PDB file of N, CA and C in Angstrom:
ATOM      1  N   MET A   1      27.559  84.449  30.203  1.00  0.00           N
ATOM      2  CA  MET A   1      26.525  84.804  29.198  1.00  0.00           C
ATOM      3  C   MET A   1      26.126  86.236  29.061  1.00  0.00           C
ATOM      4  N   LYS A   2      26.701  87.210  29.758  1.00  0.00           N
ATOM      5  CA  LYS A   2      26.468  88.847  29.908  1.00  0.00           C
ATOM      6  C   LYS A   2      27.241  89.057  28.088  1.00  0.00           C
ATOM      7  N   ASP A   3      28.015  88.248  27.762  1.00  0.00           N
ATOM      8  CA  ASP A   3      28.688  88.791  26.661  1.00  0.00           C
ATOM      9  C   ASP A   3      28.331  88.033  25.076  1.00  0.00           C
ATOM     10  N   GLY A   4      26.894  87.573  25.382  1.00  0.00           N
ATOM     11  CA  GLY A   4      26.048  87.049  23.873  1.00  0.00           C
ATOM     12  C   GLY A   4      26.337  85.758  23.916  1.00  0.00           C
ATOM     13  N   SER A   5      26.980  84.966  24.714  1.00  0.00           N
ATOM     14  CA  SER A   5      27.518  83.474  23.970  1.00  0.00           C
ATOM     15  C   SER A   5      26.673  82.858  24.405  1.00  0.00           C
ATOM     16  N   GLU A   6      26.345  81.755  23.833  1.00  0.00           N
ATOM     17  CA  GLU A   6      25.522  80.570  24.155  1.00  0.00           C
ATOM     18  C   GLU A   6      25.878  79.648  25.215  1.00  0.00           C
ATOM     19  N   ALA A   7      24.773  79.220  25.787  1.00  0.00           N
ATOM     20  CA  ALA A   7      25.336  78.393  26.838  1.00  0.00           C
ATOM     21  C   ALA A   7      23.961  77.134  26.948  1.00  0.00           C
ATOM     22  N   SER A   8      24.517  75.836  27.628  1.00  0.00           N
ATOM     23  CA  SER A   8      23.544  74.802  27.114  1.00  0.00           C
ATOM     24  C   SER A   8      23.536  74.362  28.427  1.00  0.00           C
ATOM     25  N   PHE A   9      22.390  73.694  28.867  1.00  0.00           N
ATOM     26  CA  PHE A   9      22.445  72.471  30.249  1.00  0.00           C
ATOM     27  C   PHE A   9      22.233  71.112  29.597  1.00  0.00           C
ATOM     28  N   LYS A  10      23.062  70.064  29.706  1.00  0.00           N
ATOM     29  CA  LYS A  10      23.053  69.169  28.872  1.00  0.00           C
ATOM     30  C   LYS A  10      23.068  67.476  29.983  1.00  0.00           C
ATOM     31  N   ILE A  11      22.395  66.283  29.977  1.00  0.00           N
ATOM     32  CA  ILE A  11      22.941  65.388  30.752  1.00  0.00           C
ATOM     33  C   ILE A  11      23.175  64.366  29.846  1.00  0.00           C
ATOM     34  N   VAL A  12      24.411  63.982  29.651  1.00  0.00           N
ATOM     35  CA  VAL A  12      24.985  62.932  29.226  1.00  0.00           C
ATOM     36  C   VAL A  12      25.704  61.676  30.073  1.00  0.00           C
ATOM     37  N   GLU A  13      25.055  60.895  29.400  1.00  0.00           N
ATOM     38  CA  GLU A  13      25.200  59.230  29.426  1.00  0.00           C
ATOM     39  C   GLU A  13      27.053  59.119  29.324  1.00  0.00           C
ATOM     40  N   LEU A  14      28.006  59.186  29.872  1.00  0.00           N
ATOM     41  CA  LEU A  14      29.060  58.632  29.285  1.00  0.00           C
ATOM     42  C   LEU A  14      29.722  56.923  29.580  1.00  0.00           C
ATOM     43  N   ASN A  15      29.539  56.368  28.212  1.00  0.00           N
ATOM     44  CA  ASN A  15      29.925  54.552  28.045  1.00  0.00           C
ATOM     45  C   ASN A  15      30.985  54.690  27.405  1.00  0.00           C
ATOM     46  N   SER A  16      31.793  53.266  27.232  1.00  0.00           N
ATOM     47  CA  SER A  16      32.523  52.897  27.131  1.00  0.00           C
ATOM     48  C   SER A  16      32.419  53.380  25.080  1.00  0.00           C
ATOM     49  N   PHE A  17      31.780  53.217  24.749  1.00  0.00           N
ATOM     50  CA  PHE A  17      31.072  53.399  23.228  1.00  0.00           C
ATOM     51  C   PHE A  17      31.237  54.340  22.406  1.00  0.00           C
ATOM     52  N   ARG A  18      30.485  55.487  23.573  1.00  0.00           N
ATOM     53  CA  ARG A  18      30.047  56.533  23.090  1.00  0.00           C
ATOM     54  C   ARG A  18      29.347  57.655  24.099  1.00  0.00           C
ATOM     55  N   ASP A  19      29.543  58.767  24.061  1.00  0.00           N
ATOM     56  CA  ASP A  19      28.809  59.959  24.734  1.00  0.00           C
ATOM     57  C   ASP A  19      27.225  60.131  24.089  1.00  0.00           C
ATOM     58  N   VAL A  20      26.204  59.652  24.827  1.00  0.00           N
ATOM     59  CA  VAL A  20      24.892  60.025  24.848  1.00  0.00           C
ATOM     60  C   VAL A  20      24.299  60.832  25.019  1.00  0.00           C
ATOM     61  N   VAL A  21      23.975  61.811  24.826  1.00  0.00           N
ATOM     62  CA  VAL A  21      23.167  63.255  25.151  1.00  0.00           C
ATOM     63  C   VAL A  21      21.651  62.617  25.410  1.00  0.00           C
ATOM     64  N   HIS A  22      21.216  63.085  26.172  1.00  0.00           N
ATOM     65  CA  HIS A  22      19.734  62.427  26.888  1.00  0.00           C
ATOM     66  C   HIS A  22      18.803  63.688  26.684  1.00  0.00           C
ATOM     67  N   LEU A  23      19.646  64.881  27.653  1.00  0.00           N
ATOM     68  CA  LEU A  23      18.478  65.857  27.434  1.00  0.00           C
ATOM     69  C   LEU A  23      19.432  67.370  27.152  1.00  0.00           C
ATOM     70  N   ASP A  24      19.238  68.256  26.560  1.00  0.00           N
ATOM     71  CA  ASP A  24      20.212  69.436  25.983  1.00  0.00           C
ATOM     72  C   ASP A  24      19.035  70.860  26.249  1.00  0.00           C
ATOM     73  N   PHE A  25      19.318  71.508  27.317  1.00  0.00           N
ATOM     74  CA  PHE A  25      18.821  72.681  27.073  1.00  0.00           C
ATOM     75  C   PHE A  25      19.449  73.863  27.144  1.00  0.00           C
ATOM     76  N   PRO A  26      19.132  74.554  25.917  1.00  0.00           N
ATOM     77  CA  PRO A  26      19.897  75.821  25.953  1.00  0.00           C
ATOM     78  C   PRO A  26      19.367  76.804  26.642  1.00  0.00           C
ATOM     79  N   LEU A  27      20.137  77.639  27.195  1.00  0.00           N
ATOM     80  CA  LEU A  27      20.429  78.755  28.219  1.00  0.00           C
ATOM     81  C   LEU A  27      20.149  79.747  27.446  1.00  0.00           C
ATOM     82  N   VAL A  28      19.490  80.965  27.570  1.00  0.00           N
ATOM     83  CA  VAL A  28      19.353  81.934  26.873  1.00  0.00           C
ATOM     84  C   VAL A  28      18.863  83.259  28.175  1.00  0.00           C
ATOM     85  N   ALA A  29      19.552  84.342  28.118  1.00  0.00           N
ATOM     86  CA  ALA A  29      20.069  85.485  28.901  1.00  0.00           C
ATOM     87  C   ALA A  29      18.314  85.869  28.843  1.00  0.00           C
ATOM     88  N   GLY A  30      18.016  86.255  30.028  1.00  0.00           N
ATOM     89  CA  GLY A  30      16.614  86.944  30.111  1.00  0.00           C
ATOM     90  C   GLY A  30      16.671  88.120  30.682  1.00  0.00           C
ATOM     91  N   ASN A  31      16.127  89.214  30.196  1.00  0.00           N
ATOM     92  CA  ASN A  31      16.264  90.607  30.993  1.00  0.00           C
ATOM     93  C   ASN A  31      15.354  90.704  31.837  1.00  0.00           C
ATOM     94  N   ASP A  32      14.993  91.681  33.493  1.00  0.00           N
ATOM     95  CA  ASP A  32      14.178  91.788  34.528  1.00  0.00           C
ATOM     96  C   ASP A  32      12.572  91.677  33.606  1.00  0.00           C
ATOM     97  N   GLY A  33      12.284  92.618  32.455  1.00  0.00           N
ATOM     98  CA  GLY A  33      10.916  92.656  32.042  1.00  0.00           C
ATOM     99  C   GLY A  33      10.375  91.325  31.287  1.00  0.00           C
ATOM    100  N   SER A  34      11.439  90.817  30.345  1.00  0.00           N
ATOM    101  CA  SER A  34      11.186  89.125  29.971  1.00  0.00           C
ATOM    102  C   SER A  34      10.639  87.919  30.963  1.00  0.00           C
ATOM    103  N   ARG A  35      11.628  88.701  32.469  1.00  0.00           N
ATOM    104  CA  ARG A  35      11.323  87.893  33.267  1.00  0.00           C
ATOM    105  C   ARG A  35       9.952  87.596  34.168  1.00  0.00           C
ATOM    106  N   ALA A  36       9.679  89.015  34.407  1.00  0.00           N
ATOM    107  CA  ALA A  36       8.857  89.344  34.931  1.00  0.00           C
ATOM    108  C   ALA A  36       7.542  89.204  34.443  1.00  0.00           C
ATOM    109  N   SER A  37       7.441  89.189  33.318  1.00  0.00           N
ATOM    110  CA  SER A  37       6.007  89.311  31.996  1.00  0.00           C
ATOM    111  C   SER A  37       5.860  87.693  32.142  1.00  0.00           C
ATOM    112  N   HIS A  38       7.276  86.724  32.311  1.00  0.00           N
ATOM    113  CA  HIS A  38       6.897  85.286  31.678  1.00  0.00           C
ATOM    114  C   HIS A  38       6.149  84.711  33.343  1.00  0.00           C
ATOM    115  N   LEU A  39       6.826  85.307  34.460  1.00  0.00           N
ATOM    116  CA  LEU A  39       5.937  85.004  35.906  1.00  0.00           C
ATOM    117  C   LEU A  39       4.953  85.652  36.023  1.00  0.00           C
ATOM    118  N   ALA A  40       4.231  86.838  35.681  1.00  0.00           N
ATOM    119  CA  ALA A  40       3.305  87.216  35.515  1.00  0.00           C
ATOM    120  C   ALA A  40       2.067  86.393  35.074  1.00  0.00           C
ATOM    121  N   GLU A  41       2.541  85.959  33.573  1.00  0.00           N
ATOM    122  CA  GLU A  41       1.681  84.873  32.929  1.00  0.00           C
ATOM    123  C   GLU A  41       1.351  83.838  33.594  1.00  0.00           C
ATOM    124  N   ARG A  42       2.628  83.396  34.149  1.00  0.00           N
ATOM    125  CA  ARG A  42       2.543  81.863  34.881  1.00  0.00           C
ATOM    126  C   ARG A  42       1.114  81.970  36.057  1.00  0.00           C
ATOM    127  N   LEU A  43       1.447  83.130  36.875  1.00  0.00           N
ATOM    128  CA  LEU A  43       1.270  83.615  38.181  1.00  0.00           C
ATOM    129  C   LEU A  43      -0.638  83.361  37.262  1.00  0.00           C
ATOM    130  N   THR A  44      -1.045  84.345  36.376  1.00  0.00           N
ATOM    131  CA  THR A  44      -2.293  84.454  35.430  1.00  0.00           C
ATOM    132  C   THR A  44      -2.599  83.125  35.612  1.00  0.00           C
ATOM    133  N   MET A  45      -2.082  81.899  34.749  1.00  0.00           N
ATOM    134  CA  MET A  45      -2.454  80.793  34.638  1.00  0.00           C
ATOM    135  C   MET A  45      -2.660  79.899  35.945  1.00  0.00           C
ATOM    136  N   THR A  46      -1.919  79.789  36.574  1.00  0.00           N
ATOM    137  CA  THR A  46      -1.789  79.395  38.483  1.00  0.00           C
ATOM    138  C   THR A  46      -3.413  79.567  38.908  1.00  0.00           C
ATOM    139  N   LYS A  47      -3.816  80.974  38.904  1.00  0.00           N
ATOM    140  CA  LYS A  47      -4.843  81.759  39.681  1.00  0.00           C
ATOM    141  C   LYS A  47      -6.068  81.027  38.743  1.00  0.00           C
ATOM    142  N   ALA A  48      -5.856  81.182  37.583  1.00  0.00           N
ATOM    143  CA  ALA A  48      -7.332  80.445  36.777  1.00  0.00           C
ATOM    144  C   ALA A  48      -7.340  78.894  37.305  1.00  0.00           C
ATOM    145  N   ALA A  49      -6.624  78.404  36.819  1.00  0.00           N
ATOM    146  CA  ALA A  49      -6.630  76.788  37.436  1.00  0.00           C
ATOM    147  C   ALA A  49      -6.989  76.855  38.606  1.00  0.00           C
ATOM    148  N   LEU A  50      -6.459  77.589  40.058  1.00  0.00           N
ATOM    149  CA  LEU A  50      -7.105  77.209  41.274  1.00  0.00           C
ATOM    150  C   LEU A  50      -8.509  77.537  41.285  1.00  0.00           C
ATOM    151  N   ARG A  51      -8.840  78.720  40.662  1.00  0.00           N
ATOM    152  CA  ARG A  51     -10.549  78.919  40.905  1.00  0.00           C
ATOM    153  C   ARG A  51     -11.107  78.101  40.023  1.00  0.00           C
ATOM    154  N   GLN A  52     -10.836  77.260  38.872  1.00  0.00           N
ATOM    155  CA  GLN A  52     -11.645  76.159  38.383  1.00  0.00           C
ATOM    156  C   GLN A  52     -11.462  74.973  39.344  1.00  0.00           C
ATOM    157  N   CYS A  53     -10.362  75.008  39.833  1.00  0.00           N
ATOM    158  CA  CYS A  53     -10.697  73.835  40.737  1.00  0.00           C
ATOM    159  C   CYS A  53     -11.426  74.113  42.069  1.00  0.00           C
ATOM    160  N   GLN A  54     -11.319  74.863  42.435  1.00  0.00           N
ATOM    161  CA  GLN A  54     -12.333  75.550  43.914  1.00  0.00           C
ATOM    162  C   GLN A  54     -13.664  75.287  43.446  1.00  0.00           C
ATOM    163  N   GLU A  55     -13.871  75.511  42.133  1.00  0.00           N
ATOM    164  CA  GLU A  55     -15.449  75.505  41.420  1.00  0.00           C
ATOM    165  C   GLU A  55     -15.774  74.317  41.186  1.00  0.00           C
ATOM    166  N   GLN A  56     -14.930  73.531  41.097  1.00  0.00           N
ATOM    167  CA  GLN A  56     -14.841  72.289  40.811  1.00  0.00           C
ATOM    168  C   GLN A  56     -15.405  71.485  41.722  1.00  0.00           C
ATOM    169  N   LEU A  57     -14.560  71.741  43.092  1.00  0.00           N
ATOM    170  CA  LEU A  57     -14.755  71.384  44.495  1.00  0.00           C
ATOM    171  C   LEU A  57     -16.155  71.731  45.109  1.00  0.00           C
ATOM    172  N   ALA A  58     -16.144  72.847  44.865  1.00  0.00           N
ATOM    173  CA  ALA A  58     -18.186  73.635  45.556  1.00  0.00           C
ATOM    174  C   ALA A  58     -18.544  72.894  44.554  1.00  0.00           C
ATOM    175  N   GLN A  59     -18.741  72.347  43.431  1.00  0.00           N
ATOM    176  CA  GLN A  59     -19.795  72.002  42.533  1.00  0.00           C
ATOM    177  C   GLN A  59     -19.926  70.226  42.923  1.00  0.00           C
ATOM    178  N   THR A  60     -18.711  69.598  43.389  1.00  0.00           N
ATOM    179  CA  THR A  60     -18.683  68.281  43.676  1.00  0.00           C
ATOM    180  C   THR A  60     -19.080  68.245  45.034  1.00  0.00           C
ATOM    181  N   ILE A  61     -18.864  69.422  45.964  1.00  0.00           N
ATOM    182  CA  ILE A  61     -19.232  69.075  47.767  1.00  0.00           C
ATOM    183  C   ILE A  61     -20.682  69.556  47.701  1.00  0.00           C
ATOM    184  N   GLU A  62     -21.327  70.077  46.995  1.00  0.00           N
ATOM    185  CA  GLU A  62     -23.034  70.284  46.574  1.00  0.00           C
ATOM    186  C   GLU A  62     -23.728  69.476  46.292  1.00  0.00           C
ATOM    187  N   GLN A  63     -22.906  68.825  45.424  1.00  0.00           N
ATOM    188  CA  GLN A  63     -23.805  67.206  44.605  1.00  0.00           C
ATOM    189  C   GLN A  63     -23.445  66.321  45.577  1.00  0.00           C
ATOM    190  N   SER A  64     -22.215  66.286  46.356  1.00  0.00           N
ATOM    191  CA  SER A  64     -22.241  64.895  47.572  1.00  0.00           C
ATOM    192  C   SER A  64     -23.134  65.094  48.399  1.00  0.00           C
ATOM    193  N   ASN A  65     -23.310  66.665  48.955  1.00  0.00           N
ATOM    194  CA  ASN A  65     -24.813  67.001  50.174  1.00  0.00           C
ATOM    195  C   ASN A  65     -25.545  66.629  49.521  1.00  0.00           C
ATOM    196  N   ASP A  66     -25.958  66.653  47.867  1.00  0.00           N
ATOM    197  CA  ASP A  66     -27.479  66.495  48.262  1.00  0.00           C
ATOM    198  C   ASP A  66     -27.912  65.099  47.801  1.00  0.00           C
ATOM    199  N   LYS A  67     -26.375  64.189  47.660  1.00  0.00           N
ATOM    200  CA  LYS A  67     -26.515  62.869  47.595  1.00  0.00           C
ATOM    201  C   LYS A  67     -26.906  61.910  48.886  1.00  0.00           C
ATOM    202  N   ILE A  68     -26.372  62.691  50.275  1.00  0.00           N
ATOM    203  CA  ILE A  68     -26.289  62.177  51.034  1.00  0.00           C
ATOM    204  C   ILE A  68     -27.474  62.997  51.449  1.00  0.00           C
ATOM    205  N   ASN A  69     -28.510  63.855  51.636  1.00  0.00           N
ATOM    206  CA  ASN A  69     -29.548  63.994  51.762  1.00  0.00           C
ATOM    207  C   ASN A  69     -30.555  62.886  51.472  1.00  0.00           C
ATOM    208  N   SER A  70     -30.379  62.907  50.088  1.00  0.00           N
ATOM    209  CA  SER A  70     -31.413  62.319  49.282  1.00  0.00           C
ATOM    210  C   SER A  70     -31.217  60.728  50.002  1.00  0.00           C
ATOM    211  N   LEU A  71     -29.523  59.848  50.027  1.00  0.00           N
ATOM    212  CA  LEU A  71     -29.730  58.963  51.164  1.00  0.00           C
ATOM    213  C   LEU A  71     -30.541  58.763  52.101  1.00  0.00           C
ATOM    214  N   GLU A  72     -30.073  60.052  52.940  1.00  0.00           N
ATOM    215  CA  GLU A  72     -30.493  59.726  54.341  1.00  0.00           C
ATOM    216  C   GLU A  72     -31.990  60.122  54.500  1.00  0.00           C
ATOM    217  N   SER A  73     -32.797  60.285  53.327  1.00  0.00           N
ATOM    218  CA  SER A  73     -34.310  59.970  53.432  1.00  0.00           C
ATOM    219  C   SER A  73     -34.479  59.096  53.106  1.00  0.00           C
ATOM    220  N   HIS A  74     -33.691  58.275  52.270  1.00  0.00           N
ATOM    221  CA  HIS A  74     -34.112  57.263  51.715  1.00  0.00           C
ATOM    222  C   HIS A  74     -33.673  56.127  53.138  1.00  0.00           C
ATOM    223  N   ILE A  75     -32.764  56.320  53.733  1.00  0.00           N
ATOM    224  CA  ILE A  75     -32.776  55.323  54.399  1.00  0.00           C
ATOM    225  C   ILE A  75     -33.770  55.220  56.009  1.00  0.00           C
ATOM    226  N   GLN A  76     -34.644  56.816  56.157  1.00  0.00           N
ATOM    227  CA  GLN A  76     -35.256  56.679  57.096  1.00  0.00           C
ATOM    228  C   GLN A  76     -36.724  56.421  56.792  1.00  0.00           C
ATOM    229  N   GLN A  77     -36.816  56.353  55.085  1.00  0.00           N
ATOM    230  CA  GLN A  77     -38.209  55.835  54.556  1.00  0.00           C
ATOM    231  C   GLN A  77     -38.016  54.170  54.825  1.00  0.00           C
ATOM    232  N   LEU A  78     -36.576  53.601  54.310  1.00  0.00           N
ATOM    233  CA  LEU A  78     -36.448  51.905  54.584  1.00  0.00           C
ATOM    234  C   LEU A  78     -36.338  51.777  56.184  1.00  0.00           C
ATOM    235  N   ASN A  79     -35.961  52.854  57.205  1.00  0.00           N
ATOM    236  CA  ASN A  79     -36.470  52.116  58.691  1.00  0.00           C
ATOM    237  C   ASN A  79     -37.583  52.305  58.948  1.00  0.00           C
ATOM    238  N   GLY A  80     -38.541  53.176  58.503  1.00  0.00           N
ATOM    239  CA  GLY A  80     -40.033  53.290  58.853  1.00  0.00           C
ATOM    240  C   GLY A  80     -40.692  51.917  58.137  1.00  0.00           C
ATOM    241  N   ALA A  81     -40.127  51.427  57.034  1.00  0.00           N
ATOM    242  CA  ALA A  81     -40.582  49.721  56.378  1.00  0.00           C
ATOM    243  C   ALA A  81     -40.133  48.979  56.921  1.00  0.00           C
ATOM    244  N   CYS A  82     -39.402  48.996  57.706  1.00  0.00           N
ATOM    245  CA  CYS A  82     -38.675  48.062  58.584  1.00  0.00           C
ATOM    246  C   CYS A  82     -39.569  47.712  59.928  1.00  0.00           C
ATOM    247  N   ASP A  83     -39.352  49.124  60.084  1.00  0.00           N
ATOM    248  CA  ASP A  83     -40.441  48.513  61.402  1.00  0.00           C
ATOM    249  C   ASP A  83     -41.544  48.472  61.532  1.00  0.00           C
ATOM    250  N   GLU A  84     -42.292  48.157  60.086  1.00  0.00           N
ATOM    251  CA  GLU A  84     -43.515  48.413  60.028  1.00  0.00           C
ATOM    252  C   GLU A  84     -43.742  47.023  59.957  1.00  0.00           C
ATOM    253  N   LEU A  85     -42.650  46.097  59.284  1.00  0.00           N
ATOM    254  CA  LEU A  85     -42.330  44.854  59.115  1.00  0.00           C
ATOM    255  C   LEU A  85     -42.235  44.420  59.983  1.00  0.00           C
ATOM    256  N   LYS A  86     -41.536  44.814  61.200  1.00  0.00           N
ATOM    257  CA  LYS A  86     -41.208  43.958  62.349  1.00  0.00           C
ATOM    258  C   LYS A  86     -42.417  43.998  63.138  1.00  0.00           C
ATOM    259  N   GLY A  87     -43.392  44.972  63.482  1.00  0.00           N
ATOM    260  CA  GLY A  87     -44.656  44.914  64.085  1.00  0.00           C
ATOM    261  C   GLY A  87     -45.710  43.981  63.913  1.00  0.00           C
ATOM    262  N   LYS A  88     -45.597  43.793  62.194  1.00  0.00           N
ATOM    263  CA  LYS A  88     -46.733  42.860  61.154  1.00  0.00           C
ATOM    264  C   LYS A  88     -46.081  41.350  61.782  1.00  0.00           C
ATOM    265  N   CYS A  89     -44.416  41.510  61.868  1.00  0.00           N
ATOM    266  CA  CYS A  89     -44.056  40.052  62.096  1.00  0.00           C
ATOM    267  C   CYS A  89     -44.387  39.712  63.576  1.00  0.00           C
ATOM    268  N   MET A  90     -44.283  40.434  64.501  1.00  0.00           N
ATOM    269  CA  MET A  90     -44.425  40.119  65.801  1.00  0.00           C
ATOM    270  C   MET A  90     -45.973  40.219  66.266  1.00  0.00           C
ATOM    271  N   GLN A  91     -46.724  40.631  65.777  1.00  0.00           N
ATOM    272  CA  GLN A  91     -48.424  40.308  65.486  1.00  0.00           C
ATOM    273  C   GLN A  91     -48.546  38.875  64.870  1.00  0.00           C
ATOM    274  N   GLY A  92     -47.921  38.652  63.489  1.00  0.00           N
ATOM    275  CA  GLY A  92     -48.018  37.395  63.459  1.00  0.00           C
ATOM    276  C   GLY A  92     -48.085  36.242  64.213  1.00  0.00           C
ATOM    277  N   ASP A  93     -46.669  36.264  64.756  1.00  0.00           N
ATOM    278  CA  ASP A  93     -45.967  35.677  65.751  1.00  0.00           C
ATOM    279  C   ASP A  93     -46.659  35.301  66.650  1.00  0.00           C
ATOM    280  N   ALA A  94     -47.160  36.496  67.333  1.00  0.00           N
ATOM    281  CA  ALA A  94     -48.505  36.109  68.616  1.00  0.00           C
ATOM    282  C   ALA A  94     -49.892  35.987  68.293  1.00  0.00           C
ATOM    283  N   ASP A  95     -50.018  36.193  67.065  1.00  0.00           N
ATOM    284  CA  ASP A  95     -51.384  35.416  66.476  1.00  0.00           C
ATOM    285  C   ASP A  95     -51.396  33.604  65.874  1.00  0.00           C
ATOM    286  N   LEU A  96     -49.801  33.386  65.781  1.00  0.00           N
ATOM    287  CA  LEU A  96     -49.528  31.990  65.013  1.00  0.00           C
ATOM    288  C   LEU A  96     -49.669  31.486  66.718  1.00  0.00           C
ATOM    289  N   LYS A  97     -49.050  31.751  67.185  1.00  0.00           N
ATOM    290  CA  LYS A  97     -48.770  31.581  68.843  1.00  0.00           C
ATOM    291  C   LYS A  97     -49.839  30.850  69.718  1.00  0.00           C
ATOM    292  N   SER A  98     -51.108  32.200  69.581  1.00  0.00           N
ATOM    293  CA  SER A  98     -52.299  31.971  70.128  1.00  0.00           C
ATOM    294  C   SER A  98     -53.393  30.852  68.972  1.00  0.00           C
ATOM    295  N   ALA A  99     -52.980  30.784  67.933  1.00  0.00           N
ATOM    296  CA  ALA A  99     -53.524  29.795  66.962  1.00  0.00           C
ATOM    297  C   ALA A  99     -53.198  28.668  67.493  1.00  0.00           C
ATOM    298  N   ILE A 100     -51.623  28.087  67.725  1.00  0.00           N
ATOM    299  CA  ILE A 100     -51.591  27.001  68.021  1.00  0.00           C
ATOM    300  C   ILE A 100     -51.839  26.378  69.568  1.00  0.00           C
ATOM    301  N   ALA A 101     -52.063  27.397  70.457  1.00  0.00           N
ATOM    302  CA  ALA A 101     -52.293  27.397  71.988  1.00  0.00           C
ATOM    303  C   ALA A 101     -53.953  26.402  71.960  1.00  0.00           C
ATOM    304  N   GLU A 102     -54.479  27.492  70.690  1.00  0.00           N
ATOM    305  CA  GLU A 102     -56.038  27.457  70.905  1.00  0.00           C
ATOM    306  C   GLU A 102     -56.091  26.012  70.197  1.00  0.00           C
ATOM    307  N   ALA A 103     -55.464  25.441  69.016  1.00  0.00           N
ATOM    308  CA  ALA A 103     -55.717  24.127  68.343  1.00  0.00           C
ATOM    309  C   ALA A 103     -54.681  22.625  69.533  1.00  0.00           C
ATOM    310  N   SER A 104     -54.064  23.119  69.868  1.00  0.00           N
ATOM    311  CA  SER A 104     -53.607  22.545  71.240  1.00  0.00           C
ATOM    312  C   SER A 104     -54.556  21.810  72.342  1.00  0.00           C
ATOM    313  N   SER A 105     -55.091  23.126  72.777  1.00  0.00           N
ATOM    314  CA  SER A 105     -56.055  23.151  73.532  1.00  0.00           C
ATOM    315  C   SER A 105     -57.308  22.412  73.129  1.00  0.00           C
ATOM    316  N   ARG A 106     -57.975  22.330  71.679  1.00  0.00           N
ATOM    317  CA  ARG A 106     -59.020  21.605  71.300  1.00  0.00           C
ATOM    318  C   ARG A 106     -58.753  20.723  70.995  1.00  0.00           C
ATOM    319  N   HIS A 107     -56.895  20.126  70.328  1.00  0.00           N
ATOM    320  CA  HIS A 107     -56.890  18.595  70.205  1.00  0.00           C
ATOM    321  C   HIS A 107     -57.101  17.832  71.397  1.00  0.00           C
ATOM    322  N   SER A 108     -56.831  18.567  73.030  1.00  0.00           N
ATOM    323  CA  SER A 108     -56.264  17.972  74.195  1.00  0.00           C
ATOM    324  C   SER A 108     -57.988  17.783  74.281  1.00  0.00           C
ATOM    325  N   GLU A 109     -58.872  18.547  74.314  1.00  0.00           N
ATOM    326  CA  GLU A 109     -60.214  18.538  74.395  1.00  0.00           C
ATOM    327  C   GLU A 109     -60.625  17.315  74.112  1.00  0.00           C
ATOM    328  N   ALA A 110     -60.258  17.558  72.551  1.00  0.00           N
ATOM    329  CA  ALA A 110     -61.168  16.278  71.585  1.00  0.00           C
ATOM    330  C   ALA A 110     -60.661  14.771  72.148  1.00  0.00           C
ATOM    331  N   MET A 111     -59.027  14.540  72.331  1.00  0.00           N
ATOM    332  CA  MET A 111     -58.473  13.388  72.639  1.00  0.00           C
ATOM    333  C   MET A 111     -58.756  12.896  73.785  1.00  0.00           C
ATOM    334  N   ASP A 112     -59.333  14.043  74.912  1.00  0.00           N
ATOM    335  CA  ASP A 112     -60.259  13.615  76.110  1.00  0.00           C
ATOM    336  C   ASP A 112     -61.494  13.228  76.131  1.00  0.00           C
ATOM    337  N   ALA A 113     -62.217  13.872  75.006  1.00  0.00           N
ATOM    338  CA  ALA A 113     -63.604  13.547  74.834  1.00  0.00           C
ATOM    339  C   ALA A 113     -63.262  11.805  73.969  1.00  0.00           C
ATOM    340  N   ALA A 114     -62.654  11.660  73.032  1.00  0.00           N
ATOM    341  CA  ALA A 114     -62.164  10.318  72.472  1.00  0.00           C
ATOM    342  C   ALA A 114     -61.932   9.523  73.572  1.00  0.00           C
ATOM    343  N   ARG A 115     -61.277   9.221  74.635  1.00  0.00           N
ATOM    344  CA  ARG A 115     -60.978   8.362  75.346  1.00  0.00           C
ATOM    345  C   ARG A 115     -61.694   7.955  76.595  1.00  0.00           C
ATOM    346  N   GLN A 116     -63.141   9.179  76.465  1.00  0.00           N
ATOM    347  CA  GLN A 116     -63.892   8.626  77.578  1.00  0.00           C
ATOM    348  C   GLN A 116     -65.488   8.119  76.694  1.00  0.00           C
TER     349      GLN A 116
END
């Protein structure tokens, strides 16, 4: 290609009927300046995309941490409410057992009194 002739890269399917060109890329000679310019442009674009991804990641991490803190606080509130309900349930169970024992005792006394 140094002499100015054209070249191309082709992917061709050969079958019994015809040759089918699937891809055809013309190859153009470049000089060091154009290659360096192209690579510098691609590097700049890649760095910008990387910065954007890093900023999005930092924002996502911050939002996730805020959500985690909120959920942990909510879990603590629910655990406190659960403990309170357990205490009330145990107290209610104790009160019910006491009432049953007292009613059973009164019933036994009434039965004894009725027998006499």
